[in-house]
Amino acid sequence: MVCLAFLLILSTTALVSAQNYSVMVSTTQEVYAAGKNVTFQVSLLDENNNPVDDQVSVIIQDLDKRYKIEKVVSSKDLNKISLAEGGYWEISAEYKGATDKRIFRIEEKELIKAILDGSNLIITNIGNIKSTQTIYIIIGDEINTKTPTLNIGESASYKLVAPEGDYDLRVENKDHKVILSKSGIRLTGTGNVVGAISDQEQSRAGITGGVAPEEGNEFALLNYVKNSLFVYMFMLVIFGAAILLAIEKRISKRAK
């Protein structure tokens, strides 16, 4: 009798464990505005289509699989999550072998801001996609263009240079919307160069000690080349003199 009861319990357990479930992922919208929370729910049903209240594992990731979030949620709750990256995303759920997924999209918004720190212009990507837009930096009557590649939250810094004096500054985005405007800022620089110089451009100036000018500024370019040639010519003269001195010493030794 005891054995019969034990077998009955085992068979009942096997039936329960073998029960089939279905899982369904849903979102309140197909497209979410940038900066808005994504609301979703994971529903569970047993094989008789009765709701099941339990915990479900979900994975939320962008389609390129650069960002991945793993969570455990309740099948009875609406869940909210904030996602920074624009574009297509996917929510996948798994419960006891049953799976489902849902694709949604976050609107892409390319947005930058500009601030001035002394004579340094700082451009920051505050949108939700990588920014590769051209910006226009107007110093007095001179226009410079820059196209920094910035991931979300990244910044690029530019040193503003000009002949010593006070200047009006205006910075525009790719749509020529003014994102920064300042009057009477004090600038200094090298020679007649007027422009915005990044750290990379300053390092490329290298041994000449000059400032790499904007491509479209011909006068600044000529001044830069002239200064660079002067330095290189000076070094060439020193190098040539050292060679002549070495030759003269060798000749003197042979003469002795």
C-alpha atoms as a PDB file:
ATOM      1  CA  MET A   1       0.000   0.000   0.000  1.00  0.00           C
ATOM      2  CA  VAL A   2       2.837   2.347   0.887  1.00  0.00           C
ATOM      3  CA  CYS A   3       4.618   1.490  -2.363  1.00  0.00           C
ATOM      4  CA  LEU A   4       1.437   2.185  -4.340  1.00  0.00           C
ATOM      5  CA  ALA A   5       1.080   5.623  -2.722  1.00  0.00           C
ATOM      6  CA  PHE A   6       4.754   6.390  -3.434  1.00  0.00           C
ATOM      7  CA  LEU A   7       4.342   5.457  -7.103  1.00  0.00           C
ATOM      8  CA  LEU A   8       1.216   7.621  -7.315  1.00  0.00           C
ATOM      9  CA  ILE A   9       3.136  10.612  -5.968  1.00  0.00           C
ATOM     10  CA  LEU A  10       5.960  10.033  -8.467  1.00  0.00           C
ATOM     11  CA  SER A  11       3.571   9.808 -11.402  1.00  0.00           C
ATOM     12  CA  THR A  12       1.784  12.997 -10.337  1.00  0.00           C
ATOM     13  CA  THR A  13       5.115  14.835 -10.040  1.00  0.00           C
ATOM     14  CA  ALA A  14       6.146  13.636 -13.491  1.00  0.00           C
ATOM     15  CA  LEU A  15       2.894  14.900 -14.976  1.00  0.00           C
ATOM     16  CA  VAL A  16       3.372  18.314 -13.377  1.00  0.00           C
ATOM     17  CA  SER A  17       6.975  18.599 -14.509  1.00  0.00           C
ATOM     18  CA  ALA A  18       6.025  17.526 -18.025  1.00  0.00           C
ATOM     19  CA  GLN A  19       3.384  20.229 -18.299  1.00  0.00           C
ATOM     20  CA  ASN A  20       3.810  22.549 -21.290  1.00  0.00           C
ATOM     21  CA  TYR A  21       3.905  26.301 -20.883  1.00  0.00           C
ATOM     22  CA  SER A  22       3.730  29.179 -23.319  1.00  0.00           C
ATOM     23  CA  VAL A  23       5.391  32.558 -22.844  1.00  0.00           C
ATOM     24  CA  MET A  24       4.541  35.818 -24.588  1.00  0.00           C
ATOM     25  CA  VAL A  25       6.486  39.115 -24.592  1.00  0.00           C
ATOM     26  CA  SER A  26       4.603  42.348 -25.293  1.00  0.00           C
ATOM     27  CA  THR A  27       5.457  46.070 -25.285  1.00  0.00           C
ATOM     28  CA  THR A  28       3.080  48.986 -24.907  1.00  0.00           C
ATOM     29  CA  GLN A  29       4.462  50.596 -28.105  1.00  0.00           C
ATOM     30  CA  GLU A  30       6.366  49.580 -31.201  1.00  0.00           C
ATOM     31  CA  VAL A  31       8.343  52.841 -31.281  1.00  0.00           C
ATOM     32  CA  TYR A  32       9.497  54.842 -28.249  1.00  0.00           C
ATOM     33  CA  ALA A  33      10.636  58.453 -28.275  1.00  0.00           C
ATOM     34  CA  ALA A  34      14.245  59.108 -27.284  1.00  0.00           C
ATOM     35  CA  GLY A  35      14.594  59.355 -23.518  1.00  0.00           C
ATOM     36  CA  LYS A  36      11.282  57.596 -22.766  1.00  0.00           C
ATOM     37  CA  ASN A  37      11.043  54.412 -20.698  1.00  0.00           C
ATOM     38  CA  VAL A  38      10.258  51.151 -22.474  1.00  0.00           C
ATOM     39  CA  THR A  39       7.294  49.345 -20.874  1.00  0.00           C
ATOM     40  CA  PHE A  40       6.902  45.600 -21.380  1.00  0.00           C
ATOM     41  CA  GLN A  41       5.260  42.510 -19.900  1.00  0.00           C
ATOM     42  CA  VAL A  42       6.018  38.794 -20.030  1.00  0.00           C
ATOM     43  CA  SER A  43       2.863  36.628 -19.768  1.00  0.00           C
ATOM     44  CA  LEU A  44       2.809  32.933 -18.865  1.00  0.00           C
ATOM     45  CA  LEU A  45       0.090  30.404 -19.714  1.00  0.00           C
ATOM     46  CA  ASP A  46      -0.151  26.735 -18.851  1.00  0.00           C
ATOM     47  CA  GLU A  47      -1.240  24.081 -21.367  1.00  0.00           C
ATOM     48  CA  ASN A  48      -4.890  24.914 -20.577  1.00  0.00           C
ATOM     49  CA  ASN A  49      -4.251  28.648 -21.329  1.00  0.00           C
ATOM     50  CA  ASN A  50      -4.585  29.568 -17.676  1.00  0.00           C
ATOM     51  CA  PRO A  51      -2.378  32.470 -16.477  1.00  0.00           C
ATOM     52  CA  VAL A  52       0.659  31.435 -14.442  1.00  0.00           C
ATOM     53  CA  ASP A  53       2.229  33.736 -11.850  1.00  0.00           C
ATOM     54  CA  ASP A  54       5.972  33.114 -11.708  1.00  0.00           C
ATOM     55  CA  GLN A  55       9.415  34.628 -12.264  1.00  0.00           C
ATOM     56  CA  VAL A  56      10.751  34.739 -15.839  1.00  0.00           C
ATOM     57  CA  SER A  57      14.272  35.350 -17.148  1.00  0.00           C
ATOM     58  CA  VAL A  58      14.536  38.029 -19.832  1.00  0.00           C
ATOM     59  CA  ILE A  59      17.388  39.404 -21.939  1.00  0.00           C
ATOM     60  CA  ILE A  60      17.194  42.893 -23.442  1.00  0.00           C
ATOM     61  CA  GLN A  61      19.766  43.776 -26.105  1.00  0.00           C
ATOM     62  CA  ASP A  62      20.244  45.880 -29.213  1.00  0.00           C
ATOM     63  CA  LEU A  63      20.284  44.029 -32.530  1.00  0.00           C
ATOM     64  CA  ASP A  64      24.060  44.515 -32.897  1.00  0.00           C
ATOM     65  CA  LYS A  65      24.477  42.913 -29.439  1.00  0.00           C
ATOM     66  CA  ARG A  66      26.682  45.731 -28.159  1.00  0.00           C
ATOM     67  CA  TYR A  67      24.487  46.276 -25.100  1.00  0.00           C
ATOM     68  CA  LYS A  68      22.935  43.471 -23.050  1.00  0.00           C
ATOM     69  CA  ILE A  69      20.757  43.546 -19.931  1.00  0.00           C
ATOM     70  CA  GLU A  70      19.632  40.401 -18.078  1.00  0.00           C
ATOM     71  CA  LYS A  71      16.710  40.560 -15.648  1.00  0.00           C
ATOM     72  CA  VAL A  72      14.252  38.362 -13.809  1.00  0.00           C
ATOM     73  CA  VAL A  73      10.700  39.734 -13.892  1.00  0.00           C
ATOM     74  CA  SER A  74       7.293  38.698 -12.603  1.00  0.00           C
ATOM     75  CA  SER A  75       4.769  37.472 -15.157  1.00  0.00           C
ATOM     76  CA  LYS A  76       2.050  39.590 -13.554  1.00  0.00           C
ATOM     77  CA  ASP A  77       3.891  42.940 -13.617  1.00  0.00           C
ATOM     78  CA  LEU A  78       4.400  45.718 -16.118  1.00  0.00           C
ATOM     79  CA  ASN A  79       8.110  46.463 -16.266  1.00  0.00           C
ATOM     80  CA  LYS A  80       9.865  49.700 -17.220  1.00  0.00           C
ATOM     81  CA  ILE A  81      13.430  50.139 -18.382  1.00  0.00           C
ATOM     82  CA  SER A  82      15.448  53.101 -19.631  1.00  0.00           C
ATOM     83  CA  LEU A  83      17.667  52.505 -22.679  1.00  0.00           C
ATOM     84  CA  ALA A  84      20.134  55.124 -23.913  1.00  0.00           C
ATOM     85  CA  GLU A  85      20.959  53.811 -27.385  1.00  0.00           C
ATOM     86  CA  GLY A  86      18.650  54.606 -30.304  1.00  0.00           C
ATOM     87  CA  GLY A  87      17.664  52.023 -32.943  1.00  0.00           C
ATOM     88  CA  TYR A  88      16.177  48.518 -32.811  1.00  0.00           C
ATOM     89  CA  TRP A  89      16.137  46.439 -29.630  1.00  0.00           C
ATOM     90  CA  GLU A  90      14.925  42.956 -28.716  1.00  0.00           C
ATOM     91  CA  ILE A  91      13.396  41.495 -25.553  1.00  0.00           C
ATOM     92  CA  SER A  92      13.616  37.700 -25.281  1.00  0.00           C
ATOM     93  CA  ALA A  93      12.096  35.594 -22.485  1.00  0.00           C
ATOM     94  CA  GLU A  94      12.562  31.955 -21.421  1.00  0.00           C
ATOM     95  CA  TYR A  95      10.536  29.875 -19.005  1.00  0.00           C
ATOM     96  CA  LYS A  96      10.976  26.104 -18.592  1.00  0.00           C
ATOM     97  CA  GLY A  97      11.901  25.592 -22.228  1.00  0.00           C
ATOM     98  CA  ALA A  98       9.299  27.990 -23.636  1.00  0.00           C
ATOM     99  CA  THR A  99      10.652  31.123 -25.349  1.00  0.00           C
ATOM    100  CA  ASP A 100       9.392  34.257 -27.050  1.00  0.00           C
ATOM    101  CA  LYS A 101      10.810  37.586 -28.190  1.00  0.00           C
ATOM    102  CA  ARG A 102       9.652  41.043 -29.162  1.00  0.00           C
ATOM    103  CA  ILE A 103      11.377  43.701 -31.301  1.00  0.00           C
ATOM    104  CA  PHE A 104      10.827  47.435 -30.752  1.00  0.00           C
ATOM    105  CA  ARG A 105      12.577  50.645 -31.768  1.00  0.00           C
ATOM    106  CA  ILE A 106      13.829  53.732 -29.944  1.00  0.00           C
ATOM    107  CA  GLU A 107      13.849  56.854 -32.089  1.00  0.00           C
ATOM    108  CA  GLU A 108      17.349  57.971 -32.995  1.00  0.00           C
ATOM    109  CA  LYS A 109      18.313  61.478 -31.964  1.00  0.00           C
ATOM    110  CA  GLU A 110      21.662  63.023 -32.917  1.00  0.00           C
ATOM    111  CA  LEU A 111      22.267  65.907 -30.532  1.00  0.00           C
ATOM    112  CA  ILE A 112      25.364  67.783 -29.384  1.00  0.00           C
ATOM    113  CA  LYS A 113      26.047  70.615 -26.973  1.00  0.00           C
ATOM    114  CA  ALA A 114      28.917  73.106 -26.806  1.00  0.00           C
ATOM    115  CA  ILE A 115      30.427  74.850 -23.786  1.00  0.00           C
ATOM    116  CA  LEU A 116      33.362  77.235 -23.478  1.00  0.00           C
ATOM    117  CA  ASP A 117      35.964  76.675 -20.759  1.00  0.00           C
ATOM    118  CA  GLY A 118      38.421  79.560 -20.978  1.00  0.00           C
ATOM    119  CA  SER A 119      39.674  79.328 -24.549  1.00  0.00           C
ATOM    120  CA  ASN A 120      38.754  75.642 -24.861  1.00  0.00           C
ATOM    121  CA  LEU A 121      35.611  74.694 -26.784  1.00  0.00           C
ATOM    122  CA  ILE A 122      34.116  71.389 -25.596  1.00  0.00           C
ATOM    123  CA  ILE A 123      31.676  69.519 -27.850  1.00  0.00           C
ATOM    124  CA  THR A 124      29.677  66.704 -26.188  1.00  0.00           C
ATOM    125  CA  ASN A 125      27.356  64.102 -27.692  1.00  0.00           C
ATOM    126  CA  ILE A 126      24.144  64.225 -25.636  1.00  0.00           C
ATOM    127  CA  GLY A 127      22.054  62.286 -28.174  1.00  0.00           C
ATOM    128  CA  ASN A 128      21.346  58.550 -28.243  1.00  0.00           C
ATOM    129  CA  ILE A 129      23.408  57.565 -31.301  1.00  0.00           C
ATOM    130  CA  LYS A 130      27.002  58.070 -32.405  1.00  0.00           C
ATOM    131  CA  SER A 131      27.529  61.612 -33.683  1.00  0.00           C
ATOM    132  CA  THR A 132      29.527  62.299 -36.839  1.00  0.00           C
ATOM    133  CA  GLN A 133      27.991  65.637 -37.720  1.00  0.00           C
ATOM    134  CA  THR A 134      29.910  68.663 -38.954  1.00  0.00           C
ATOM    135  CA  ILE A 135      30.000  71.675 -36.637  1.00  0.00           C
ATOM    136  CA  TYR A 136      30.754  75.244 -37.633  1.00  0.00           C
ATOM    137  CA  ILE A 137      32.970  77.370 -35.399  1.00  0.00           C
ATOM    138  CA  ILE A 138      32.853  81.080 -36.292  1.00  0.00           C
ATOM    139  CA  ILE A 139      35.535  83.215 -34.634  1.00  0.00           C
ATOM    140  CA  GLY A 140      35.112  86.824 -35.667  1.00  0.00           C
ATOM    141  CA  ASP A 141      34.892  86.610 -39.473  1.00  0.00           C
ATOM    142  CA  GLU A 142      36.676  83.260 -39.762  1.00  0.00           C
ATOM    143  CA  ILE A 143      34.712  80.016 -40.207  1.00  0.00           C
ATOM    144  CA  ASN A 144      36.199  76.673 -39.155  1.00  0.00           C
ATOM    145  CA  THR A 145      34.550  73.278 -39.633  1.00  0.00           C
ATOM    146  CA  LYS A 146      35.094  70.200 -37.502  1.00  0.00           C
ATOM    147  CA  THR A 147      33.619  66.691 -37.788  1.00  0.00           C
ATOM    148  CA  PRO A 148      34.310  64.888 -34.516  1.00  0.00           C
ATOM    149  CA  THR A 149      33.271  61.245 -34.145  1.00  0.00           C
ATOM    150  CA  LEU A 150      31.663  60.949 -30.721  1.00  0.00           C
ATOM    151  CA  ASN A 151      30.021  57.990 -29.042  1.00  0.00           C
ATOM    152  CA  ILE A 152      27.153  58.649 -26.641  1.00  0.00           C
ATOM    153  CA  GLY A 153      28.402  60.868 -23.812  1.00  0.00           C
ATOM    154  CA  GLU A 154      31.849  61.429 -25.357  1.00  0.00           C
ATOM    155  CA  SER A 155      33.409  64.881 -25.773  1.00  0.00           C
ATOM    156  CA  ALA A 156      35.972  66.540 -28.015  1.00  0.00           C
ATOM    157  CA  SER A 157      38.000  69.571 -26.932  1.00  0.00           C
ATOM    158  CA  TYR A 158      39.329  72.304 -29.216  1.00  0.00           C
ATOM    159  CA  LYS A 159      41.763  75.089 -28.346  1.00  0.00           C
ATOM    160  CA  LEU A 160      40.579  78.387 -29.846  1.00  0.00           C
ATOM    161  CA  VAL A 161      43.475  80.488 -31.171  1.00  0.00           C
ATOM    162  CA  ALA A 162      43.742  83.875 -32.888  1.00  0.00           C
ATOM    163  CA  PRO A 163      45.989  86.947 -32.861  1.00  0.00           C
ATOM    164  CA  GLU A 164      45.677  88.408 -29.388  1.00  0.00           C
ATOM    165  CA  GLY A 165      42.405  90.252 -28.976  1.00  0.00           C
ATOM    166  CA  ASP A 166      38.704  90.025 -28.149  1.00  0.00           C
ATOM    167  CA  TYR A 167      36.436  88.037 -30.475  1.00  0.00           C
ATOM    168  CA  ASP A 168      32.820  87.038 -30.941  1.00  0.00           C
ATOM    169  CA  LEU A 169      32.256  83.269 -31.055  1.00  0.00           C
ATOM    170  CA  ARG A 170      29.376  81.361 -32.582  1.00  0.00           C
ATOM    171  CA  VAL A 171      29.050  77.571 -32.859  1.00  0.00           C
ATOM    172  CA  GLU A 172      26.453  75.952 -35.134  1.00  0.00           C
ATOM    173  CA  ASN A 173      25.411  72.327 -35.598  1.00  0.00           C
ATOM    174  CA  LYS A 174      24.967  70.546 -38.946  1.00  0.00           C
ATOM    175  CA  ASP A 175      21.596  72.273 -39.456  1.00  0.00           C
ATOM    176  CA  HIS A 176      23.208  75.674 -38.760  1.00  0.00           C
ATOM    177  CA  LYS A 177      21.311  76.005 -35.503  1.00  0.00           C
ATOM    178  CA  VAL A 178      23.318  78.092 -33.026  1.00  0.00           C
ATOM    179  CA  ILE A 179      24.288  75.943 -30.026  1.00  0.00           C
ATOM    180  CA  LEU A 180      26.712  78.452 -28.459  1.00  0.00           C
ATOM    181  CA  SER A 181      27.188  82.203 -28.780  1.00  0.00           C
ATOM    182  CA  LYS A 182      29.668  84.337 -26.839  1.00  0.00           C
ATOM    183  CA  SER A 183      30.841  87.929 -27.258  1.00  0.00           C
ATOM    184  CA  GLY A 184      34.166  89.510 -26.376  1.00  0.00           C
ATOM    185  CA  ILE A 185      36.116  86.355 -25.531  1.00  0.00           C
ATOM    186  CA  ARG A 186      39.853  86.881 -25.093  1.00  0.00           C
ATOM    187  CA  LEU A 187      42.039  84.759 -27.379  1.00  0.00           C
ATOM    188  CA  THR A 188      45.748  84.462 -28.102  1.00  0.00           C
ATOM    189  CA  GLY A 189      47.601  82.272 -30.552  1.00  0.00           C
ATOM    190  CA  THR A 190      50.548  81.787 -32.896  1.00  0.00           C
ATOM    191  CA  GLY A 191      51.107  84.153 -35.829  1.00  0.00           C
ATOM    192  CA  ASN A 192      47.959  84.969 -37.787  1.00  0.00           C
ATOM    193  CA  VAL A 193      46.233  81.613 -37.300  1.00  0.00           C
ATOM    194  CA  VAL A 194      42.529  81.847 -36.445  1.00  0.00           C
ATOM    195  CA  GLY A 195      40.929  78.528 -35.669  1.00  0.00           C
ATOM    196  CA  ALA A 196      40.007  75.666 -33.377  1.00  0.00           C
ATOM    197  CA  ILE A 197      42.775  73.145 -32.745  1.00  0.00           C
ATOM    198  CA  SER A 198      42.160  69.667 -31.335  1.00  0.00           C
ATOM    199  CA  ASP A 199      44.652  67.788 -29.173  1.00  0.00           C
ATOM    200  CA  GLN A 200      45.418  65.490 -32.113  1.00  0.00           C
ATOM    201  CA  GLU A 201      46.153  68.434 -34.400  1.00  0.00           C
ATOM    202  CA  GLN A 202      48.424  70.003 -31.815  1.00  0.00           C
ATOM    203  CA  SER A 203      50.378  66.757 -31.496  1.00  0.00           C
ATOM    204  CA  ARG A 204      50.662  66.510 -35.289  1.00  0.00           C
ATOM    205  CA  ALA A 205      52.319  69.946 -35.309  1.00  0.00           C
ATOM    206  CA  GLY A 206      55.206  68.064 -33.681  1.00  0.00           C
ATOM    207  CA  ILE A 207      58.711  69.409 -33.949  1.00  0.00           C
ATOM    208  CA  THR A 208      57.729  72.658 -35.657  1.00  0.00           C
ATOM    209  CA  GLY A 209      55.968  73.817 -32.508  1.00  0.00           C
ATOM    210  CA  GLY A 210      53.349  75.474 -34.689  1.00  0.00           C
ATOM    211  CA  VAL A 211      49.595  75.078 -34.859  1.00  0.00           C
ATOM    212  CA  ALA A 212      47.983  73.079 -37.644  1.00  0.00           C
ATOM    213  CA  PRO A 213      45.615  75.450 -39.477  1.00  0.00           C
ATOM    214  CA  GLU A 214      42.226  74.790 -40.955  1.00  0.00           C
ATOM    215  CA  GLU A 215      42.257  73.444 -44.520  1.00  0.00           C
ATOM    216  CA  GLY A 216      40.185  76.308 -45.828  1.00  0.00           C
ATOM    217  CA  ASN A 217      42.285  79.069 -44.273  1.00  0.00           C
ATOM    218  CA  GLU A 218      44.891  79.740 -46.979  1.00  0.00           C
ATOM    219  CA  PHE A 219      46.552  82.672 -45.214  1.00  0.00           C
ATOM    220  CA  ALA A 220      46.954  80.662 -42.021  1.00  0.00           C
ATOM    221  CA  LEU A 221      48.219  77.720 -44.044  1.00  0.00           C
ATOM    222  CA  LEU A 222      50.917  79.823 -45.720  1.00  0.00           C
ATOM    223  CA  ASN A 223      51.974  81.221 -42.350  1.00  0.00           C
ATOM    224  CA  TYR A 224      52.120  77.698 -40.893  1.00  0.00           C
ATOM    225  CA  VAL A 225      54.218  76.405 -43.803  1.00  0.00           C
ATOM    226  CA  LYS A 226      56.564  79.393 -43.577  1.00  0.00           C
ATOM    227  CA  ASN A 227      57.144  78.853 -39.865  1.00  0.00           C
ATOM    228  CA  SER A 228      57.648  75.121 -40.372  1.00  0.00           C
ATOM    229  CA  LEU A 229      60.140  75.626 -43.229  1.00  0.00           C
ATOM    230  CA  PHE A 230      62.144  78.067 -41.128  1.00  0.00           C
ATOM    231  CA  VAL A 231      62.488  75.501 -38.336  1.00  0.00           C
ATOM    232  CA  TYR A 232      63.378  72.683 -40.701  1.00  0.00           C
ATOM    233  CA  MET A 233      65.927  74.832 -42.580  1.00  0.00           C
ATOM    234  CA  PHE A 234      67.550  75.793 -39.286  1.00  0.00           C
ATOM    235  CA  MET A 235      67.830  72.135 -38.301  1.00  0.00           C
ATOM    236  CA  LEU A 236      69.229  71.253 -41.738  1.00  0.00           C
ATOM    237  CA  VAL A 237      71.949  73.918 -41.400  1.00  0.00           C
ATOM    238  CA  ILE A 238      72.924  72.592 -37.954  1.00  0.00           C
ATOM    239  CA  PHE A 239      72.993  69.023 -39.248  1.00  0.00           C
ATOM    240  CA  GLY A 240      75.090  70.040 -42.283  1.00  0.00           C
ATOM    241  CA  ALA A 241      77.554  71.956 -40.106  1.00  0.00           C
ATOM    242  CA  ALA A 242      77.974  68.892 -37.876  1.00  0.00           C
ATOM    243  CA  ILE A 243      78.771  66.740 -40.922  1.00  0.00           C
ATOM    244  CA  LEU A 244      81.323  69.256 -42.245  1.00  0.00           C
ATOM    245  CA  LEU A 245      82.961  69.458 -38.827  1.00  0.00           C
ATOM    246  CA  ALA A 246      83.248  65.662 -38.651  1.00  0.00           C
ATOM    247  CA  ILE A 247      84.815  65.545 -42.153  1.00  0.00           C
ATOM    248  CA  GLU A 248      87.279  68.316 -41.250  1.00  0.00           C
ATOM    249  CA  LYS A 249      88.352  66.416 -38.115  1.00  0.00           C
ATOM    250  CA  ARG A 250      88.899  63.220 -40.108  1.00  0.00           C
ATOM    251  CA  ILE A 251      90.995  65.061 -42.722  1.00  0.00           C
ATOM    252  CA  SER A 252      93.060  66.675 -39.972  1.00  0.00           C
ATOM    253  CA  LYS A 253      93.795  63.291 -38.411  1.00  0.00           C
ATOM    254  CA  ARG A 254      94.946  61.858 -41.751  1.00  0.00           C
ATOM    255  CA  ALA A 255      97.177  64.890 -42.388  1.00  0.00           C
ATOM    256  CA  LYS A 256      98.974  64.263 -39.112  1.00  0.00           C
END
